[in-house]
């Protein structure tokens, strides 16, 4: 039955192997719907399976190759792959949903490996200020108007990067959970940044560094290299366009006594014009202290400066 239908459609029967009772329709495309009781089970079976061992060969090998030229107008979409997966019932406290899982195991020497590579290359001019965004990889996370009581170790992330080395593993080059490399051969009208964060609505931090270890050097590191010159380690900028913006404090120390970083003195600090506290810094391995004063000292003693 299947073989006859496939031959009539002009498709070799050996090219498609269907082992589950269901409906297969060939006509301008292939549509397959397994019966409600005959879906594959386990992580080794699937509705579509491509398996085998590629022999050693001096040519590239691609499992799924698509080459399409599209012209879509009227504000419509062209998608190479469109997938939607909905929950039909509760998965329970330990059930997972994964839209796409790609795993690359490197058990032998490989020059480079990428589990997922997204690239957007623009070779045609985009005139008229009508073109909008072009993104290599886009991650989106949204929560509708529902309550989400998650575990203490949980969270919601648009993009999650995790990097680790198991016990006994070694590496002679850096390890990054996220790596961004940005540059422009020529100067452009807009800003070029490796990372940009946008704070909207109730956003507490533009960048949050949460330290869980004593084996560290710094929360942030600025390292000019190869004769590069960094104009400023940190730049504070406020705009008056559309209403004056403010940065109320260049720095904020929440704890009154941080032991080493900064602290408010309980008694007057001598040799520092009776400063109210100090900020501790490290210059080439030597500890130094920057004194600070409350507003009354600035208003009275420094009023003429």
Protein backbone atom coordinates (compact mmCIF):
# COMPACT_ATOMS: atom_id res chain seq x y z
CA UNK A 1 0.00 0.00 0.00
CA UNK A 2 2.70 2.47 1.01
CA UNK A 3 4.97 1.46 -1.82
CA UNK A 4 2.29 1.96 -4.46
CA UNK A 5 1.35 5.39 -3.15
CA UNK A 6 4.97 6.51 -3.03
CA UNK A 7 5.73 5.28 -6.55
CA UNK A 8 2.66 7.12 -7.89
CA UNK A 9 3.96 10.30 -6.27
CA UNK A 10 7.29 9.85 -8.00
CA UNK A 11 9.22 9.02 -4.81
CA UNK A 12 11.36 5.93 -4.39
CA UNK A 13 9.84 3.71 -1.76
CA UNK A 14 13.25 2.97 -0.23
CA UNK A 15 13.72 6.67 0.57
CA UNK A 16 10.99 6.72 3.25
CA UNK A 17 10.56 4.04 5.86
CA UNK A 18 7.39 4.16 7.96
CA UNK A 19 7.12 1.58 10.73
CA UNK A 20 4.21 3.01 12.67
CA UNK A 21 0.55 2.68 11.75
CA UNK A 22 -0.77 6.06 10.78
CA UNK A 23 -1.52 8.27 7.82
CA UNK A 24 1.04 9.20 5.18
CA UNK A 25 0.05 11.72 2.52
CA UNK A 26 2.28 12.66 -0.41
CA UNK A 27 1.18 15.54 -2.62
CA UNK A 28 3.23 18.68 -2.92
CA UNK A 29 4.90 17.63 0.34
CA UNK A 30 4.86 14.91 2.96
CA UNK A 31 2.45 14.91 5.89
CA UNK A 32 2.61 12.11 8.43
CA UNK A 33 0.42 11.74 11.52
CA UNK A 34 0.93 8.68 13.73
CA UNK A 35 -2.14 7.18 15.30
CA UNK A 36 -3.02 8.35 18.78
CA UNK A 37 -1.80 5.11 20.38
CA UNK A 38 1.29 4.35 18.30
CA UNK A 39 3.74 7.15 19.02
CA UNK A 40 7.37 6.13 19.55
CA UNK A 41 8.55 5.89 23.15
CA UNK A 42 12.01 6.38 24.62
CA UNK A 43 14.93 8.55 23.54
CA UNK A 44 16.19 6.11 20.90
CA UNK A 45 13.05 6.00 18.75
CA UNK A 46 11.35 8.75 16.77
CA UNK A 47 8.81 9.45 14.06
CA UNK A 48 11.76 10.15 11.74
CA UNK A 49 15.06 8.36 12.33
CA UNK A 50 18.31 8.83 10.48
CA UNK A 51 20.97 6.56 11.92
CA UNK A 52 24.17 4.87 10.88
CA UNK A 53 27.92 5.32 10.81
CA UNK A 54 29.51 7.60 8.25
CA UNK A 55 32.68 5.90 6.98
CA UNK A 56 35.99 7.71 6.90
CA UNK A 57 35.89 9.87 3.79
CA UNK A 58 37.66 12.94 2.46
CA UNK A 59 34.45 14.82 1.67
CA UNK A 60 31.84 16.63 3.73
CA UNK A 61 28.62 14.90 4.77
CA UNK A 62 25.28 16.61 5.43
CA UNK A 63 22.20 14.82 6.77
CA UNK A 64 19.59 17.48 6.01
CA UNK A 65 20.37 19.91 3.18
CA UNK A 66 17.95 22.62 2.12
CA UNK A 67 18.60 25.13 -0.66
CA UNK A 68 15.66 27.47 -1.27
CA UNK A 69 15.37 30.92 -2.83
CA UNK A 70 12.30 32.76 -1.58
CA UNK A 71 10.45 35.98 -2.41
CA UNK A 72 7.75 36.80 0.15
CA UNK A 73 5.80 40.07 0.06
CA UNK A 74 2.95 41.70 1.95
CA UNK A 75 4.56 41.47 5.38
CA UNK A 76 4.49 37.67 5.41
CA UNK A 77 7.12 35.20 6.59
CA UNK A 78 9.47 32.66 5.10
CA UNK A 79 10.66 30.11 7.65
CA UNK A 80 13.10 27.31 7.07
CA UNK A 81 11.60 25.35 9.96
CA UNK A 82 8.46 26.17 11.92
CA UNK A 83 7.76 24.07 15.00
CA UNK A 84 5.18 24.43 17.76
CA UNK A 85 4.87 22.12 20.74
CA UNK A 86 2.07 22.45 23.28
CA UNK A 87 1.41 20.64 26.54
CA UNK A 88 -1.64 18.38 26.35
CA UNK A 89 -1.71 17.75 30.10
CA UNK A 90 0.45 18.21 33.17
CA UNK A 91 3.97 16.80 32.90
CA UNK A 92 4.30 16.67 36.66
CA UNK A 93 7.16 18.08 38.71
CA UNK A 94 9.89 16.21 36.80
CA UNK A 95 8.78 16.39 33.16
CA UNK A 96 10.81 18.29 30.56
CA UNK A 97 9.89 20.02 27.30
CA UNK A 98 12.71 20.75 24.83
CA UNK A 99 11.87 22.32 21.50
CA UNK A 100 15.20 21.40 19.93
CA UNK A 101 18.13 19.50 21.40
CA UNK A 102 21.43 19.29 19.57
CA UNK A 103 24.37 17.44 21.06
CA UNK A 104 27.85 17.01 19.66
CA UNK A 105 30.12 14.44 21.31
CA UNK A 106 33.82 14.89 20.51
CA UNK A 107 35.43 11.59 21.45
CA UNK A 108 38.25 12.16 18.96
CA UNK A 109 40.43 15.03 17.82
CA UNK A 110 38.35 17.76 16.15
CA UNK A 111 39.50 21.23 15.10
CA UNK A 112 36.25 23.05 15.97
CA UNK A 113 32.85 21.94 17.22
CA UNK A 114 29.57 23.87 17.41
CA UNK A 115 26.39 22.38 18.83
CA UNK A 116 24.35 25.20 17.25
CA UNK A 117 25.67 27.82 14.83
CA UNK A 118 23.45 30.72 13.83
CA UNK A 119 24.57 33.16 11.18
CA UNK A 120 22.89 36.05 9.41
CA UNK A 121 24.90 37.43 6.49
CA UNK A 122 23.76 40.61 4.71
CA UNK A 123 25.06 40.90 1.15
CA UNK A 124 22.38 43.27 -0.15
CA UNK A 125 22.05 46.94 0.77
CA UNK A 126 19.17 47.88 3.07
CA UNK A 127 18.19 51.43 2.02
CA UNK A 128 15.40 53.75 3.06
CA UNK A 129 15.45 53.19 6.83
CA UNK A 130 12.85 50.43 6.44
CA UNK A 131 14.98 47.43 7.32
CA UNK A 132 14.91 46.72 11.04
CA UNK A 133 16.77 43.98 12.94
CA UNK A 134 19.14 41.28 11.73
CA UNK A 135 20.10 38.69 14.34
CA UNK A 136 22.32 35.61 14.21
CA UNK A 137 20.74 33.93 17.25
CA UNK A 138 17.62 35.21 19.01
CA UNK A 139 16.50 34.00 22.43
CA UNK A 140 13.16 35.07 23.86
CA UNK A 141 11.54 34.30 27.21
CA UNK A 142 8.08 35.58 28.19
CA UNK A 143 5.60 34.93 30.97
CA UNK A 144 1.92 35.61 30.44
CA UNK A 145 -0.33 36.90 33.21
CA UNK A 146 0.14 33.79 35.35
CA UNK A 147 1.88 33.09 38.65
CA UNK A 148 5.14 31.12 38.52
CA UNK A 149 6.37 29.78 41.86
CA UNK A 150 9.73 28.26 40.95
CA UNK A 151 12.28 26.34 42.97
CA UNK A 152 14.98 28.30 44.78
CA UNK A 153 17.54 27.11 42.22
CA UNK A 154 15.34 27.97 39.24
CA UNK A 155 14.77 31.01 37.06
CA UNK A 156 13.66 32.16 33.62
CA UNK A 157 16.34 32.97 31.06
CA UNK A 158 16.12 34.10 27.46
CA UNK A 159 19.65 32.76 26.91
CA UNK A 160 21.55 30.48 29.29
CA UNK A 161 25.24 29.72 28.85
CA UNK A 162 27.02 27.23 31.10
CA UNK A 163 30.68 26.25 30.89
CA UNK A 164 32.48 23.82 33.20
CA UNK A 165 35.40 21.42 33.47
CA UNK A 166 34.98 18.12 35.28
CA UNK A 167 37.44 16.90 37.90
CA UNK A 168 40.61 15.74 36.18
CA UNK A 169 40.00 17.78 33.05
CA UNK A 170 42.57 20.35 31.96
CA UNK A 171 42.54 23.28 29.58
CA UNK A 172 45.40 25.55 28.51
CA UNK A 173 43.15 28.29 27.08
CA UNK A 174 40.32 30.43 28.58
CA UNK A 175 36.90 29.02 29.46
CA UNK A 176 33.91 31.32 28.92
CA UNK A 177 30.21 30.77 29.59
CA UNK A 178 29.54 33.60 27.16
CA UNK A 179 31.97 35.03 24.61
CA UNK A 180 31.26 38.11 22.48
CA UNK A 181 33.57 39.53 19.84
CA UNK A 182 32.51 42.77 18.17
CA UNK A 183 34.38 45.05 15.82
CA UNK A 184 34.00 47.22 12.75
CA UNK A 185 36.63 47.82 10.10
CA UNK A 186 35.26 51.30 9.45
CA UNK A 187 33.61 53.75 11.83
CA UNK A 188 29.80 53.74 11.73
CA UNK A 189 27.16 56.22 12.87
CA UNK A 190 25.92 53.97 15.69
CA UNK A 191 27.67 52.64 18.76
CA UNK A 192 29.64 49.37 18.48
CA UNK A 193 29.52 47.35 21.70
CA UNK A 194 30.39 43.78 22.60
CA UNK A 195 27.47 43.61 25.03
CA UNK A 196 24.58 46.00 25.54
CA UNK A 197 21.96 45.64 28.23
CA UNK A 198 18.68 47.57 28.19
CA UNK A 199 16.86 48.16 31.47
CA UNK A 200 13.07 48.51 31.21
CA UNK A 201 10.24 48.84 33.70
CA UNK A 202 11.13 47.09 36.99
CA UNK A 203 14.71 46.10 36.21
CA UNK A 204 17.10 46.12 39.16
CA UNK A 205 20.49 45.73 37.48
CA UNK A 206 21.90 46.18 34.02
CA UNK A 207 24.64 43.70 34.93
CA UNK A 208 24.57 41.40 37.95
CA UNK A 209 27.75 39.61 39.06
CA UNK A 210 26.91 37.07 41.78
CA UNK A 211 30.07 35.54 43.23
CA UNK A 212 29.93 31.98 44.63
CA UNK A 213 33.64 31.30 45.11
CA UNK A 214 36.80 32.56 46.77
CA UNK A 215 38.88 31.50 43.77
CA UNK A 216 38.51 34.73 41.82
CA UNK A 217 40.34 37.91 40.93
CA UNK A 218 37.64 40.50 40.21
CA UNK A 219 33.98 40.97 39.42
CA UNK A 220 34.94 42.97 36.32
CA UNK A 221 38.26 43.10 34.51
CA UNK A 222 39.44 45.65 31.98
CA UNK A 223 42.51 44.49 30.11
CA UNK A 224 43.89 46.50 27.19
CA UNK A 225 46.24 44.27 25.24
CA UNK A 226 48.57 44.41 22.24
CA UNK A 227 49.30 48.15 22.62
CA UNK A 228 45.57 48.97 22.88
CA UNK A 229 44.52 52.01 24.86
CA UNK A 230 41.29 52.08 26.86
CA UNK A 231 39.99 55.64 27.25
CA UNK A 232 38.01 54.91 30.43
CA UNK A 233 37.48 51.86 32.55
CA UNK A 234 33.94 52.98 33.34
CA UNK A 235 32.10 55.84 31.64
CA UNK A 236 29.14 57.59 33.26
CA UNK A 237 26.85 59.31 30.82
CA UNK A 238 23.56 61.12 31.36
CA UNK A 239 21.40 62.56 28.60
CA UNK A 240 19.17 65.62 28.67
CA UNK A 241 17.38 64.70 25.45
CA UNK A 242 13.68 64.22 26.20
CA UNK A 243 14.14 65.19 29.84
CA UNK A 244 17.20 65.15 32.09
CA UNK A 245 18.43 61.69 33.10
CA UNK A 246 20.33 61.04 36.30
CA UNK A 247 22.97 58.78 37.79
CA UNK A 248 22.45 59.50 41.48
CA UNK A 249 25.57 57.72 42.75
CA UNK A 250 28.73 56.69 40.94
CA UNK A 251 29.03 53.85 43.46
CA UNK A 252 26.89 52.45 46.28
CA UNK A 253 28.10 50.33 49.18
CA UNK A 254 25.13 48.66 50.85
CA UNK A 255 26.92 47.41 53.95
CA UNK A 256 28.21 50.11 56.29
CA UNK A 257 31.24 47.99 57.17
CA UNK A 258 32.66 45.90 54.31
CA UNK A 259 35.91 45.26 56.24
CA UNK A 260 38.16 45.64 53.20
CA UNK A 261 36.29 47.28 50.33
CA UNK A 262 34.87 50.42 51.96
CA UNK A 263 33.75 51.33 55.43
CA UNK A 264 32.44 54.22 57.50
CA UNK A 265 34.75 55.16 60.34
CA UNK A 266 33.42 54.99 63.89
CA UNK A 267 36.06 57.52 64.95
CA UNK A 268 37.67 60.37 63.08
CA UNK A 269 40.30 59.32 60.56
CA UNK A 270 43.54 61.18 61.13
CA UNK A 271 45.75 62.51 58.34
CA UNK A 272 42.77 62.61 55.98
CA UNK A 273 41.09 65.86 56.99
CA UNK A 274 38.78 63.95 59.35
CA UNK A 275 37.20 61.90 56.59
CA UNK A 276 34.05 59.93 57.39
CA UNK A 277 35.26 56.75 55.70
CA UNK A 278 37.62 55.26 53.16
CA UNK A 279 37.55 53.14 50.03
CA UNK A 280 40.33 50.60 49.80
CA UNK A 281 42.10 50.11 46.49
CA UNK A 282 45.03 48.03 45.25
CA UNK A 283 47.69 49.71 43.11
CA UNK A 284 50.35 47.30 41.85
CA UNK A 285 50.00 45.13 44.94
CA UNK A 286 50.06 47.97 47.49
CA UNK A 287 46.96 48.93 49.46
CA UNK A 288 45.83 52.55 49.36
CA UNK A 289 42.79 54.33 50.73
CA UNK A 290 40.57 56.99 49.18
CA UNK A 291 38.84 59.10 51.86
CA UNK A 292 35.26 60.27 51.53
CA UNK A 293 33.22 62.92 53.38
CA UNK A 294 29.58 63.59 54.10
CA UNK A 295 27.63 66.35 52.39
CA UNK A 296 28.16 68.86 55.21
CA UNK A 297 31.92 68.91 54.67
CA UNK A 298 31.47 69.48 50.95
CA UNK A 299 28.96 72.26 51.53
CA UNK A 300 31.08 74.16 54.07
CA UNK A 301 34.80 73.49 53.67
CA UNK A 302 34.82 73.03 49.90
CA UNK A 303 32.25 75.63 48.98
CA UNK A 304 34.84 77.94 47.46
CA UNK A 305 36.47 75.27 45.27
